[in-house]
C-alpha atoms as a PDB file:
ATOM      1  CA  MET A   1       0.000   0.000   0.000  1.00  0.00           C
ATOM      2  CA  ALA A   2       2.790   2.439   0.844  1.00  0.00           C
ATOM      3  CA  LYS A   3       4.265   1.944  -2.636  1.00  0.00           C
ATOM      4  CA  ARG A   4       0.913   3.041  -4.101  1.00  0.00           C
ATOM      5  CA  GLY A   5       0.898   6.262  -2.108  1.00  0.00           C
ATOM      6  CA  ARG A   6      -1.614   5.030   0.447  1.00  0.00           C
ATOM      7  CA  ALA A   7      -1.188   5.019   4.167  1.00  0.00           C
ATOM      8  CA  ALA A   8       0.118   1.727   5.498  1.00  0.00           C
ATOM      9  CA  LEU A   9       1.062   0.363   8.900  1.00  0.00           C
ATOM     10  CA  THR A  10       1.167  -2.845  10.821  1.00  0.00           C
ATOM     11  CA  ILE A  11       0.122  -3.842  14.321  1.00  0.00           C
ATOM     12  CA  CYS A  12       2.411  -5.870  16.587  1.00  0.00           C
ATOM     13  CA  SER A  13       2.162  -6.961  20.173  1.00  0.00           C
ATOM     14  CA  THR A  14       5.003  -5.913  22.449  1.00  0.00           C
ATOM     15  CA  ALA A  15       6.459  -9.429  22.239  1.00  0.00           C
ATOM     16  CA  PHE A  16       6.937  -9.101  18.471  1.00  0.00           C
ATOM     17  CA  ILE A  17       7.870  -5.451  17.919  1.00  0.00           C
ATOM     18  CA  THR A  18      11.551  -6.206  17.261  1.00  0.00           C
ATOM     19  CA  LEU A  19      10.604  -8.884  14.744  1.00  0.00           C
ATOM     20  CA  GLY A  20       8.037  -6.557  13.146  1.00  0.00           C
ATOM     21  CA  ARG A  21      10.609  -3.777  12.679  1.00  0.00           C
ATOM     22  CA  ALA A  22      13.183  -6.239  11.285  1.00  0.00           C
ATOM     23  CA  GLN A  23      10.638  -7.683   8.844  1.00  0.00           C
ATOM     24  CA  ALA A  24       9.525  -4.236   7.686  1.00  0.00           C
ATOM     25  CA  SER A  25      13.165  -3.293   7.031  1.00  0.00           C
ATOM     26  CA  ALA A  26      13.866  -6.569   5.233  1.00  0.00           C
ATOM     27  CA  LEU A  27      10.887  -5.890   2.964  1.00  0.00           C
ATOM     28  CA  GLY A  28      12.147  -2.394   2.144  1.00  0.00           C
ATOM     29  CA  PHE A  29       9.952  -0.390   4.525  1.00  0.00           C
ATOM     30  CA  PRO A  30      12.280   0.621   7.380  1.00  0.00           C
ATOM     31  CA  LYS A  31      10.031   3.551   8.352  1.00  0.00           C
ATOM     32  CA  LEU A  32       6.769   1.583   8.316  1.00  0.00           C
ATOM     33  CA  PRO A  33       4.663   2.813  11.239  1.00  0.00           C
ATOM     34  CA  ILE A  34       3.874   0.117  13.782  1.00  0.00           C
ATOM     35  CA  ALA A  35       1.000   0.354  16.232  1.00  0.00           C
ATOM     36  CA  VAL A  36       1.791  -1.583  19.380  1.00  0.00           C
ATOM     37  CA  ILE A  37      -0.607  -3.554  21.572  1.00  0.00           C
ATOM     38  CA  GLN A  38       0.344  -5.073  24.932  1.00  0.00           C
ATOM     39  CA  HIS A  39       1.213  -8.759  25.061  1.00  0.00           C
ATOM     40  CA  PRO A  40      -0.211 -11.170  26.030  1.00  0.00           C
ATOM     41  CA  PHE A  41      -3.832 -10.438  25.310  1.00  0.00           C
ATOM     42  CA  GLY A  42      -5.199 -13.976  24.940  1.00  0.00           C
ATOM     43  CA  LEU A  43      -5.817 -14.410  28.668  1.00  0.00           C
ATOM     44  CA  ARG A  44      -7.492 -11.050  29.249  1.00  0.00           C
ATOM     45  CA  THR A  45     -11.196 -10.456  29.767  1.00  0.00           C
ATOM     46  CA  ARG A  46     -13.353  -9.194  26.904  1.00  0.00           C
ATOM     47  CA  ASP A  47     -13.592  -5.784  28.547  1.00  0.00           C
ATOM     48  CA  GLU A  48      -9.806  -5.584  28.863  1.00  0.00           C
ATOM     49  CA  VAL A  49      -9.370  -6.553  25.214  1.00  0.00           C
ATOM     50  CA  ARG A  50     -11.953  -3.961  24.166  1.00  0.00           C
ATOM     51  CA  GLY A  51     -10.032  -1.296  26.082  1.00  0.00           C
ATOM     52  CA  MET A  52      -6.751  -2.377  24.505  1.00  0.00           C
ATOM     53  CA  ALA A  53      -8.360  -2.372  21.049  1.00  0.00           C
ATOM     54  CA  GLY A  54      -9.651   1.156  21.615  1.00  0.00           C
ATOM     55  CA  GLN A  55      -6.194   2.375  22.580  1.00  0.00           C
ATOM     56  CA  CYS A  56      -4.678   0.621  19.584  1.00  0.00           C
ATOM     57  CA  ALA A  57      -7.323   2.103  17.279  1.00  0.00           C
ATOM     58  CA  ASP A  58      -6.424   5.570  18.567  1.00  0.00           C
ATOM     59  CA  GLU A  59      -2.770   4.867  17.775  1.00  0.00           C
ATOM     60  CA  VAL A  60      -3.662   3.574  14.291  1.00  0.00           C
ATOM     61  CA  VAL A  61      -5.581   6.787  13.562  1.00  0.00           C
ATOM     62  CA  ARG A  62      -2.674   8.894  14.832  1.00  0.00           C
ATOM     63  CA  LEU A  63      -0.128   6.996  12.728  1.00  0.00           C
ATOM     64  CA  VAL A  64      -2.236   7.020   9.560  1.00  0.00           C
ATOM     65  CA  SER A  65      -2.776  10.765  10.016  1.00  0.00           C
ATOM     66  CA  GLY A  66       0.977  11.341  10.017  1.00  0.00           C
ATOM     67  CA  GLY A  67       1.726  11.282  13.727  1.00  0.00           C
ATOM     68  CA  ALA A  68       5.064   9.930  14.876  1.00  0.00           C
ATOM     69  CA  ALA A  69       5.397   6.451  16.315  1.00  0.00           C
ATOM     70  CA  LYS A  70       5.823   6.192  20.080  1.00  0.00           C
END
């Protein structure tokens, strides 16, 4: 998508952020924005996951709008 002039990003949990950045670089996108969600999330309650998703969605909007990664 970024090659076509469209906004692009990926989402990684904290456990995989290093791998996500390495993969983005290996694929030629070293500055690909990455939204980060806390890990693990599989054992959390639905309400906790909803809260995490809301925070992540806010970060996605910020990154797609041109905001800097945290």
